[in-house]
Protein backbone atom coordinates (compact mmCIF):
# COMPACT_ATOMS: atom_id res chain seq x y z
CA MET A 1 83.53 49.31 94.23
CA ALA A 2 86.34 50.54 96.50
CA ASN A 3 88.56 51.19 93.49
CA THR A 4 85.78 53.19 91.82
CA ALA A 5 85.33 55.35 94.94
CA GLN A 6 89.09 55.87 95.23
CA LEU A 7 89.32 56.90 91.57
CA ALA A 8 86.45 59.34 92.07
CA ARG A 9 88.20 60.92 95.08
CA THR A 10 91.46 61.16 93.14
CA ALA A 11 89.69 62.79 90.19
CA TYR A 12 88.02 65.30 92.52
CA ARG A 13 91.35 66.18 94.15
CA ASN A 14 92.95 66.63 90.73
CA GLN A 15 90.14 68.93 89.63
CA ALA A 16 90.42 70.95 92.86
CA THR A 17 94.18 71.25 92.40
CA GLN A 18 93.73 72.41 88.82
CA ARG A 19 91.24 75.05 89.98
CA VAL A 20 93.66 76.32 92.63
CA LEU A 21 96.50 76.52 90.09
CA SER A 22 94.24 78.26 87.57
CA VAL A 23 93.29 80.89 90.16
CA LEU A 24 96.94 81.44 91.09
CA SER A 25 97.88 81.77 87.41
CA ALA A 26 95.25 84.49 87.03
CA PHE A 27 97.38 86.71 89.29
CA ILE A 28 100.72 86.12 87.57
CA GLY A 29 101.65 89.19 85.55
CA HIS A 30 98.58 91.05 86.80
CA HIS A 31 99.36 94.26 88.67
CA GLY A 32 96.84 95.07 91.34
CA ALA A 33 94.31 93.26 93.48
CA ARG A 34 91.46 91.16 92.13
CA GLY A 35 88.11 90.19 93.62
CA VAL A 36 86.23 86.89 93.78
CA THR A 37 83.70 87.91 91.13
CA GLU A 38 86.42 89.11 88.77
CA ILE A 39 88.39 85.88 89.11
CA ALA A 40 85.30 83.70 88.71
CA ARG A 41 84.29 85.57 85.56
CA ALA A 42 87.80 85.47 84.07
CA LEU A 43 88.09 81.71 84.61
CA SER A 44 84.46 80.79 83.87
CA MET A 45 84.26 79.37 87.39
CA ASN A 46 81.43 79.70 89.87
CA LYS A 47 82.05 82.08 92.76
CA ASN A 48 82.00 79.39 95.46
CA MET A 49 84.78 77.43 93.74
CA ALA A 50 86.78 80.60 93.14
CA HIS A 51 86.38 81.60 96.78
CA ARG A 52 87.52 78.18 98.01
CA ALA A 53 90.63 78.33 95.79
CA LEU A 54 91.40 81.88 96.96
CA THR A 55 91.05 80.78 100.58
CA VAL A 56 93.49 77.89 100.08
CA LEU A 57 96.04 80.13 98.36
CA THR A 58 95.73 82.81 101.04
CA HIS A 59 96.12 80.28 103.86
CA ARG A 60 99.28 78.97 102.20
CA GLY A 61 100.74 82.46 101.67
CA TYR A 62 100.58 82.47 97.88
CA LEU A 63 97.97 85.23 97.97
CA THR A 64 97.14 87.90 100.51
CA ARG A 65 94.09 90.06 101.01
CA ASP A 66 94.53 93.75 100.30
CA ALA A 67 94.00 96.48 102.90
CA SER A 68 90.24 96.45 102.34
CA GLY A 69 90.12 92.72 103.13
CA GLU A 70 87.85 92.20 100.10
CA ARG A 71 90.34 91.69 97.26
CA TYR A 72 93.44 89.54 96.73
CA GLN A 73 96.97 90.01 95.43
CA LEU A 74 100.16 87.95 95.21
CA GLY A 75 101.57 86.93 98.58
CA TYR A 76 105.01 86.43 100.02
CA ARG A 77 105.50 82.80 98.98
CA VAL A 78 105.26 83.66 95.28
CA LEU A 79 107.46 86.73 95.65
CA VAL A 80 110.31 84.99 97.51
CA LEU A 81 110.51 82.28 94.86
CA ASP A 82 111.86 84.94 92.51
CA GLY A 83 114.84 85.55 94.77
CA GLY A 84 116.35 82.09 94.44
CA GLU A 85 117.05 81.74 98.16
CA ALA A 86 113.68 80.37 99.28
CA ASP A 87 114.99 76.81 99.65
CA ASN A 88 118.04 77.93 101.63
CA PHE A 89 116.53 80.32 104.13
CA ASP A 90 113.08 80.35 105.71
CA ILE A 91 112.54 83.32 108.01
CA ALA A 92 109.35 81.81 109.43
CA ALA A 93 111.14 78.59 110.40
CA LEU A 94 114.06 80.55 111.89
CA CYS A 95 111.77 82.78 113.96
CA ARG A 96 109.23 80.20 115.12
CA PRO A 97 111.17 79.03 118.23
CA TYR A 98 111.60 82.65 119.28
CA LEU A 99 107.89 83.37 118.85
CA GLU A 100 107.18 80.41 121.12
CA ALA A 101 109.76 81.60 123.66
CA LEU A 102 108.34 85.15 123.67
CA HIS A 103 104.84 83.75 124.12
CA GLY A 104 106.09 81.62 127.00
CA LEU A 105 107.81 84.60 128.63
CA THR A 106 104.96 87.08 128.27
CA GLY A 107 101.84 84.94 127.92
CA GLU A 108 100.71 87.36 125.20
CA SER A 109 100.10 87.18 121.45
CA VAL A 110 103.16 87.18 119.19
CA PHE A 111 103.26 88.00 115.46
CA LEU A 112 105.83 87.64 112.68
CA SER A 113 105.42 90.06 109.76
CA ILE A 114 107.29 90.76 106.53
CA ILE A 115 107.17 93.30 103.71
CA VAL A 116 105.21 92.25 100.63
CA GLY A 117 105.19 94.95 97.98
CA ARG A 118 104.25 98.18 99.79
CA SER A 119 102.54 96.40 102.67
CA ARG A 120 103.10 94.37 105.81
CA VAL A 121 101.71 90.83 106.01
CA ASN A 122 101.59 88.58 109.08
CA ILE A 123 103.03 85.19 108.15
CA ASP A 124 103.04 83.51 111.57
CA TRP A 125 101.48 84.13 114.98
CA ILE A 126 100.69 82.63 118.36
CA GLU A 127 97.58 83.95 120.07
CA ALA A 128 97.22 84.43 123.79
CA ARG A 129 94.49 82.88 125.89
CA GLY A 130 91.59 85.04 126.97
CA ARG A 131 91.12 88.43 125.38
CA ARG A 132 93.22 88.72 122.23
CA VAL A 133 94.58 91.57 120.15
CA SER A 134 94.91 90.00 116.68
CA ASN A 135 91.82 91.90 115.51
CA GLY A 136 91.20 89.74 112.43
CA GLN A 137 94.43 90.70 110.60
CA ARG A 138 95.33 87.20 109.41
CA GLY A 139 96.36 87.15 105.77
CA ARG A 140 95.54 90.82 105.29
CA SER A 141 98.08 93.26 103.88
CA VAL A 142 98.50 96.54 105.74
CA PRO A 143 100.15 99.54 104.02
CA LEU A 144 103.54 100.31 105.53
CA HIS A 145 102.49 103.70 106.90
CA CYS A 146 99.29 102.38 108.52
CA THR A 147 99.70 101.03 112.07
CA ARG A 148 102.91 101.20 114.04
CA MET A 149 103.61 97.52 113.50
CA SER A 150 103.93 98.32 109.80
CA ARG A 151 106.08 101.38 110.48
CA ALA A 152 108.52 99.20 112.42
CA LEU A 153 109.28 97.55 109.06
CA LEU A 154 109.22 100.79 107.08
CA ALA A 155 111.88 102.14 109.46
CA CYS A 156 114.30 99.46 108.22
CA LEU A 157 114.35 100.86 104.68
CA SER A 158 116.64 103.66 103.56
CA ASP A 159 115.57 107.30 103.78
CA ALA A 160 115.27 107.40 99.99
CA GLU A 161 113.03 104.32 99.99
CA VAL A 162 110.85 105.77 102.74
CA GLU A 163 110.48 109.07 100.87
CA ASP A 164 109.61 107.20 97.68
CA TYR A 165 107.05 105.11 99.52
CA LEU A 166 105.41 108.14 101.16
CA ARG A 167 105.19 109.85 97.80
CA ILE A 168 103.47 106.85 96.19
CA ALA A 169 101.22 106.28 99.22
CA ALA A 170 99.87 109.85 99.27
CA PRO A 171 97.33 110.82 100.41
CA LEU A 172 98.24 109.03 103.61
CA ASN A 173 94.73 109.29 105.02
CA ARG A 174 93.04 107.12 102.39
CA TYR A 175 92.84 104.13 104.77
CA ASP A 176 92.02 106.01 107.97
CA ALA A 177 88.64 104.30 108.25
CA LEU A 178 90.29 100.86 108.12
CA PHE A 179 93.16 101.69 110.48
CA PRO A 180 91.82 104.27 112.95
CA ALA A 181 94.75 103.92 115.36
CA THR A 182 96.90 105.98 112.98
CA ALA A 183 94.11 108.07 111.45
CA ASN A 184 94.83 111.75 110.70
CA GLU A 185 98.58 111.22 111.08
CA THR A 186 100.96 112.89 108.67
CA ALA A 187 104.35 112.03 107.20
CA GLU A 188 105.91 113.75 110.24
CA HIS A 189 104.21 111.21 112.52
CA VAL A 190 105.53 108.37 110.34
CA TRP A 191 109.06 109.76 110.50
CA ALA A 192 108.81 110.17 114.30
CA ASP A 193 108.04 106.44 114.65
CA ILE A 194 110.84 105.60 112.23
CA ARG A 195 113.34 107.59 114.31
CA GLN A 196 112.25 105.77 117.47
CA VAL A 197 112.76 102.35 115.87
CA ARG A 198 116.20 103.30 114.55
CA ARG A 199 117.26 104.82 117.87
CA ASN A 200 115.98 102.13 120.23
CA GLY A 201 115.92 98.98 118.10
CA HIS A 202 112.25 98.52 119.01
CA LEU A 203 108.96 100.41 119.06
CA ILE A 204 106.41 100.48 121.91
CA TRP A 205 102.89 101.84 121.48
CA ARG A 206 99.33 101.67 122.73
CA ASN A 207 96.29 101.19 120.51
CA PRO A 208 93.36 102.89 122.27
CA GLN A 209 90.97 101.99 119.44
CA GLN A 210 90.63 98.37 120.51
CA GLN A 211 88.16 97.58 123.27
CA TYR A 212 89.76 98.56 126.59
CA GLY A 213 93.00 99.28 124.73
CA ALA A 214 96.03 97.16 123.84
CA ALA A 215 99.78 97.65 123.98
CA TYR A 216 102.57 96.32 121.76
CA VAL A 217 106.32 96.15 121.37
CA ALA A 218 107.93 95.39 117.99
CA PHE A 219 111.48 94.23 117.23
CA PRO A 220 112.85 94.37 113.65
CA VAL A 221 114.89 91.38 112.47
CA LEU A 222 117.69 92.56 110.18
CA ASP A 223 120.52 91.19 108.07
CA SER A 224 124.18 92.21 108.33
CA VAL A 225 123.65 95.46 106.39
CA HIS A 226 120.50 96.36 108.36
CA ARG A 227 118.00 95.35 105.68
CA PRO A 228 114.68 93.95 106.96
CA HIS A 229 113.91 90.26 107.15
CA ALA A 230 110.85 90.71 109.35
CA VAL A 231 109.45 92.27 112.50
CA VAL A 232 108.50 90.32 115.63
CA THR A 233 105.71 91.92 117.67
CA VAL A 234 104.31 91.09 121.11
CA GLY A 235 100.90 92.52 122.01
CA GLY A 236 98.35 92.19 124.78
CA PRO A 237 95.36 93.86 126.41
CA PHE A 238 96.33 97.02 128.26
CA GLU A 239 95.26 95.67 131.65
CA ARG A 240 97.72 92.77 131.27
CA PHE A 241 100.41 94.28 129.08
CA GLY A 242 100.69 97.94 130.01
CA PRO A 243 103.82 100.14 130.06
CA ASP A 244 105.03 98.91 133.46
CA ARG A 245 104.88 95.25 132.48
CA ILE A 246 106.42 95.90 129.07
CA GLY A 247 109.24 97.80 130.78
CA ALA A 248 109.81 94.95 133.22
CA LEU A 249 109.81 92.33 130.46
CA LEU A 250 111.79 94.31 127.87
CA PRO A 251 115.31 93.27 129.03
CA GLY A 252 114.26 89.62 129.02
CA MET A 253 112.66 89.91 125.58
CA ARG A 254 115.76 91.55 124.15
CA THR A 255 118.03 88.89 125.67
CA LEU A 256 115.79 86.14 124.33
CA LEU A 257 115.96 87.63 120.81
CA ASP A 258 119.75 88.17 120.79
CA PRO A 259 120.51 84.77 119.18
CA LEU A 260 117.88 85.44 116.50
CA HIS A 261 119.51 88.75 115.64
CA ARG A 262 122.90 87.04 115.33
CA GLN A 263 121.47 84.27 113.15
CA SER A 264 119.52 86.60 110.88
CA LYS A 265 122.73 88.48 110.04
CA LEU A 266 124.12 85.33 108.42
CA PHE A 267 121.60 85.57 105.55
CA PRO A 268 120.85 88.47 103.21
CA ALA A 269 117.37 89.89 103.52
CA PRO A 270 115.18 89.49 100.43
CA PRO A 271 115.02 92.48 98.09
CA VAL A 272 112.15 94.87 98.70
CA PHE A 273 110.06 95.41 95.60
CA MET A 274 107.72 98.35 96.03
CA SER A 275 105.18 96.67 93.80
CA GLY A 276 101.53 95.86 94.32
CA THR A 277 98.76 98.24 95.18
CA LEU A 278 97.80 100.39 98.15
């Protein structure tokens, strides 16, 4: 009887694995985001099963939700496999101790984000106790011109790449309803943030859209030729993490991140493929 139950569990796991792989395969070679209904129809799978498979793949980083949060596209784990260096260098593993140290220093939420296609995706985070500022962004891709956390990564690309991105992303206000903190901002506003990141090596901003407001500071993580690996961001409610406290903590945060910056220069950053959809 026990053997029969074990065989049944094994068969169920195998079927679930096959469903997950089938869903992932449906994205390979497909340009653009796809929804649950579309995937279920294409694979002759019921929507609940398709949704469960999509959730697993998103949690593992093989898929990411698009800016709307309703559709899915290929995530960073699939894209880095193409570069051949995935087994030799793991930016999330390298950065994790520094995220923990920043969280210990500040007591606030800390995020690690990378470029996937034309968007930013959070791949690791530690959330603060009490009121938080993550705002439901897990696994969701954010266009590189929307939000200042995204612009901290955009700033690490060349001028030509930024111009090309802004041209493809036009009109820049198409996601204003989803990202109101940077609503009604033009290419000049994007370039102003880019200049600040390049000049200071970090970007500080306040998001007044969140309840009671929140403040952030972002630090790009670069390779030896100043290409982007990732951006590390610390954020907290304005009453706890306002300009005065950020200013007081900034020297300590920079000192804490110095070894990470030295280590990240030992490895080439992955190529940036301006693929995917906005």
